[in-house]
């Protein structure tokens, strides 16, 4: 049980004294970057699904193409 206690103490010491935590402003900036990247990625995936999903004038989407290939 002594090893577990040493582990907890060293983990606490590292989190409190050795880790450099970001400021609130840095956290906000990172969140905005992640949100913008996620929106751009979602738009790209939607456009790919739409472009490759149009067959015969009807939109089937990626799953429609996949199902038509395996059946």
N, C-alpha and C. Protein backbone atom coordinates (compact mmCIF):
# COMPACT_ATOMS: atom_id res chain seq x y z
N UNK A 1 0.82 -1.20 0.00
CA UNK A 1 0.00 0.00 0.00
C UNK A 1 0.86 1.25 0.00
N UNK A 2 2.10 1.12 0.41
CA UNK A 2 3.01 2.25 0.45
C UNK A 2 3.32 2.75 -0.96
N UNK A 3 3.43 1.83 -1.92
CA UNK A 3 3.74 2.22 -3.29
C UNK A 3 2.58 3.03 -3.89
N UNK A 4 1.36 2.63 -3.57
CA UNK A 4 0.20 3.36 -4.08
C UNK A 4 0.16 4.77 -3.50
N UNK A 5 0.45 4.91 -2.22
CA UNK A 5 0.49 6.22 -1.59
C UNK A 5 1.58 7.10 -2.19
N UNK A 6 2.75 6.52 -2.45
CA UNK A 6 3.82 7.27 -3.10
C UNK A 6 3.40 7.72 -4.50
N UNK A 7 2.70 6.86 -5.21
CA UNK A 7 2.23 7.19 -6.55
C UNK A 7 1.26 8.37 -6.50
N UNK A 8 0.32 8.34 -5.57
CA UNK A 8 -0.66 9.42 -5.45
C UNK A 8 0.05 10.72 -5.08
N UNK A 9 0.98 10.67 -4.14
CA UNK A 9 1.70 11.88 -3.74
C UNK A 9 2.52 12.46 -4.88
N UNK A 10 3.22 11.60 -5.62
CA UNK A 10 4.03 12.10 -6.73
C UNK A 10 3.16 12.62 -7.87
N UNK A 11 2.02 11.99 -8.09
CA UNK A 11 1.10 12.48 -9.13
C UNK A 11 0.54 13.85 -8.75
N UNK A 12 0.16 14.00 -7.50
CA UNK A 12 -0.34 15.29 -7.02
C UNK A 12 0.73 16.37 -7.13
N UNK A 13 1.94 16.03 -6.71
CA UNK A 13 3.05 16.98 -6.78
C UNK A 13 3.31 17.42 -8.22
N UNK A 14 3.26 16.47 -9.13
CA UNK A 14 3.51 16.80 -10.54
C UNK A 14 2.41 17.69 -11.09
N UNK A 15 1.14 17.37 -10.78
CA UNK A 15 0.03 18.17 -11.29
C UNK A 15 0.02 19.58 -10.72
N UNK A 16 0.42 19.73 -9.47
CA UNK A 16 0.34 21.04 -8.83
C UNK A 16 1.57 21.89 -9.13
N UNK A 17 2.76 21.30 -9.13
CA UNK A 17 3.99 22.08 -9.19
C UNK A 17 4.73 22.03 -10.53
N UNK A 18 4.52 21.00 -11.32
CA UNK A 18 5.34 20.84 -12.52
C UNK A 18 4.57 21.07 -13.83
N UNK A 19 3.26 20.98 -13.81
CA UNK A 19 2.45 21.15 -15.01
C UNK A 19 2.17 22.64 -15.20
N UNK A 20 2.34 23.12 -16.43
CA UNK A 20 1.99 24.51 -16.72
C UNK A 20 0.58 24.53 -17.31
N UNK A 21 -0.36 25.02 -16.55
CA UNK A 21 -1.75 25.04 -16.97
C UNK A 21 -2.00 26.27 -17.83
N UNK A 22 -2.84 26.15 -18.87
CA UNK A 22 -3.11 27.31 -19.73
C UNK A 22 -3.99 28.33 -19.01
N UNK A 23 -3.86 29.58 -19.44
CA UNK A 23 -4.74 30.61 -18.89
C UNK A 23 -6.11 30.46 -19.52
N UNK A 24 -7.08 31.17 -18.95
CA UNK A 24 -8.44 31.09 -19.48
C UNK A 24 -8.49 31.62 -20.91
N UNK A 25 -7.74 32.66 -21.22
CA UNK A 25 -7.70 33.22 -22.56
C UNK A 25 -7.11 32.21 -23.56
N UNK A 26 -6.03 31.53 -23.17
CA UNK A 26 -5.45 30.50 -24.03
C UNK A 26 -6.43 29.37 -24.27
N UNK A 27 -7.18 29.01 -23.23
CA UNK A 27 -8.18 27.95 -23.34
C UNK A 27 -9.30 28.36 -24.30
N UNK A 28 -9.73 29.62 -24.22
CA UNK A 28 -10.76 30.12 -25.14
C UNK A 28 -10.26 30.08 -26.58
N UNK A 29 -9.03 30.53 -26.79
CA UNK A 29 -8.48 30.53 -28.15
C UNK A 29 -8.39 29.11 -28.70
N UNK A 30 -7.96 28.18 -27.89
CA UNK A 30 -7.87 26.79 -28.34
C UNK A 30 -9.25 26.22 -28.66
N UNK A 31 -10.24 26.57 -27.85
CA UNK A 31 -11.60 26.08 -28.09
C UNK A 31 -12.15 26.63 -29.41
N UNK A 32 -11.85 27.89 -29.72
CA UNK A 32 -12.31 28.48 -30.97
C UNK A 32 -11.64 27.79 -32.15
N UNK A 33 -10.35 27.52 -32.05
CA UNK A 33 -9.63 26.84 -33.13
C UNK A 33 -10.22 25.46 -33.37
N UNK A 34 -10.50 24.72 -32.31
CA UNK A 34 -11.07 23.37 -32.44
C UNK A 34 -12.47 23.44 -33.04
N UNK A 35 -13.28 24.40 -32.61
CA UNK A 35 -14.64 24.53 -33.14
C UNK A 35 -14.62 24.86 -34.63
N UNK A 36 -13.75 25.79 -35.04
CA UNK A 36 -13.66 26.16 -36.45
C UNK A 36 -13.18 24.98 -37.28
N UNK A 37 -12.17 24.25 -36.79
CA UNK A 37 -11.66 23.09 -37.51
C UNK A 37 -12.75 22.02 -37.64
N UNK A 38 -13.53 21.81 -36.59
CA UNK A 38 -14.60 20.81 -36.65
C UNK A 38 -15.68 21.21 -37.65
N UNK A 39 -16.02 22.49 -37.71
CA UNK A 39 -17.02 22.95 -38.66
C UNK A 39 -16.52 22.80 -40.09
N UNK A 40 -15.26 23.17 -40.33
CA UNK A 40 -14.69 23.02 -41.68
C UNK A 40 -14.67 21.56 -42.08
N UNK A 41 -14.25 20.68 -41.19
CA UNK A 41 -14.21 19.25 -41.49
C UNK A 41 -15.61 18.70 -41.77
N UNK A 42 -16.60 19.14 -41.00
CA UNK A 42 -17.98 18.69 -41.22
C UNK A 42 -18.49 19.15 -42.59
N UNK A 43 -18.16 20.37 -42.98
CA UNK A 43 -18.58 20.88 -44.29
C UNK A 43 -17.92 20.08 -45.41
N UNK A 44 -16.63 19.80 -45.27
CA UNK A 44 -15.91 19.03 -46.29
C UNK A 44 -16.51 17.64 -46.43
N UNK A 45 -16.78 16.98 -45.31
CA UNK A 45 -17.37 15.63 -45.36
C UNK A 45 -18.77 15.67 -45.97
N UNK A 46 -19.56 16.69 -45.62
CA UNK A 46 -20.89 16.81 -46.21
C UNK A 46 -20.81 17.01 -47.72
N UNK A 47 -19.90 17.88 -48.16
CA UNK A 47 -19.76 18.12 -49.60
C UNK A 47 -19.31 16.87 -50.34
N UNK A 48 -18.38 16.13 -49.75
CA UNK A 48 -17.95 14.87 -50.38
C UNK A 48 -19.11 13.89 -50.46
N UNK A 49 -19.89 13.80 -49.40
CA UNK A 49 -21.04 12.89 -49.39
C UNK A 49 -22.06 13.32 -50.44
N UNK A 50 -22.27 14.61 -50.55
CA UNK A 50 -23.24 15.10 -51.53
C UNK A 50 -22.76 14.88 -52.96
N UNK A 51 -21.50 15.22 -53.22
CA UNK A 51 -20.96 15.10 -54.59
C UNK A 51 -20.92 13.64 -55.04
N UNK A 52 -20.42 12.77 -54.19
CA UNK A 52 -20.31 11.37 -54.59
C UNK A 52 -21.61 10.60 -54.42
N UNK A 53 -22.61 11.21 -53.81
CA UNK A 53 -23.87 10.53 -53.56
C UNK A 53 -24.92 10.76 -54.62
N UNK A 54 -24.69 11.69 -55.54
CA UNK A 54 -25.69 11.97 -56.58
C UNK A 54 -25.54 10.96 -57.70
N UNK A 55 -26.59 10.16 -57.89
CA UNK A 55 -26.60 9.15 -58.96
C UNK A 55 -27.98 9.15 -59.59
N UNK A 56 -28.00 9.37 -60.88
CA UNK A 56 -29.29 9.34 -61.59
C UNK A 56 -30.22 10.44 -61.15
N UNK A 57 -29.69 11.56 -60.73
CA UNK A 57 -30.52 12.68 -60.31
C UNK A 57 -31.01 12.59 -58.88
N UNK A 58 -30.78 11.48 -58.22
CA UNK A 58 -31.21 11.33 -56.83
C UNK A 58 -29.99 11.24 -55.93
N UNK A 59 -30.12 11.78 -54.75
CA UNK A 59 -29.00 11.76 -53.81
C UNK A 59 -29.14 10.56 -52.88
N UNK A 60 -28.18 9.66 -52.95
CA UNK A 60 -28.20 8.47 -52.10
C UNK A 60 -27.26 8.58 -50.94
N UNK A 61 -26.25 9.40 -51.05
CA UNK A 61 -25.27 9.54 -49.98
C UNK A 61 -24.27 8.40 -50.01
N UNK A 62 -23.31 8.48 -49.10
CA UNK A 62 -22.24 7.48 -49.05
C UNK A 62 -22.80 6.09 -48.75
N UNK A 63 -23.72 6.00 -47.82
CA UNK A 63 -24.27 4.67 -47.50
C UNK A 63 -25.07 4.10 -48.67
N UNK A 64 -25.73 4.95 -49.43
CA UNK A 64 -26.46 4.47 -50.60
C UNK A 64 -25.52 3.88 -51.64
N UNK A 65 -24.38 4.52 -51.85
CA UNK A 65 -23.39 4.00 -52.78
C UNK A 65 -22.85 2.67 -52.26
N UNK A 66 -22.54 2.62 -50.98
CA UNK A 66 -21.99 1.39 -50.39
C UNK A 66 -22.98 0.24 -50.51
N UNK A 67 -24.23 0.50 -50.19
CA UNK A 67 -25.23 -0.56 -50.27
C UNK A 67 -25.47 -1.04 -51.70
N UNK A 68 -25.39 -0.11 -52.66
CA UNK A 68 -25.58 -0.53 -54.05
C UNK A 68 -24.39 -1.36 -54.54
N UNK A 69 -23.21 -1.12 -53.98
CA UNK A 69 -22.04 -1.90 -54.36
C UNK A 69 -22.06 -3.31 -53.79
N UNK A 70 -22.55 -3.47 -52.57
CA UNK A 70 -22.50 -4.78 -51.93
C UNK A 70 -23.72 -5.64 -52.27
N UNK A 71 -24.76 -5.05 -52.85
CA UNK A 71 -25.94 -5.86 -53.15
C UNK A 71 -25.97 -6.30 -54.60
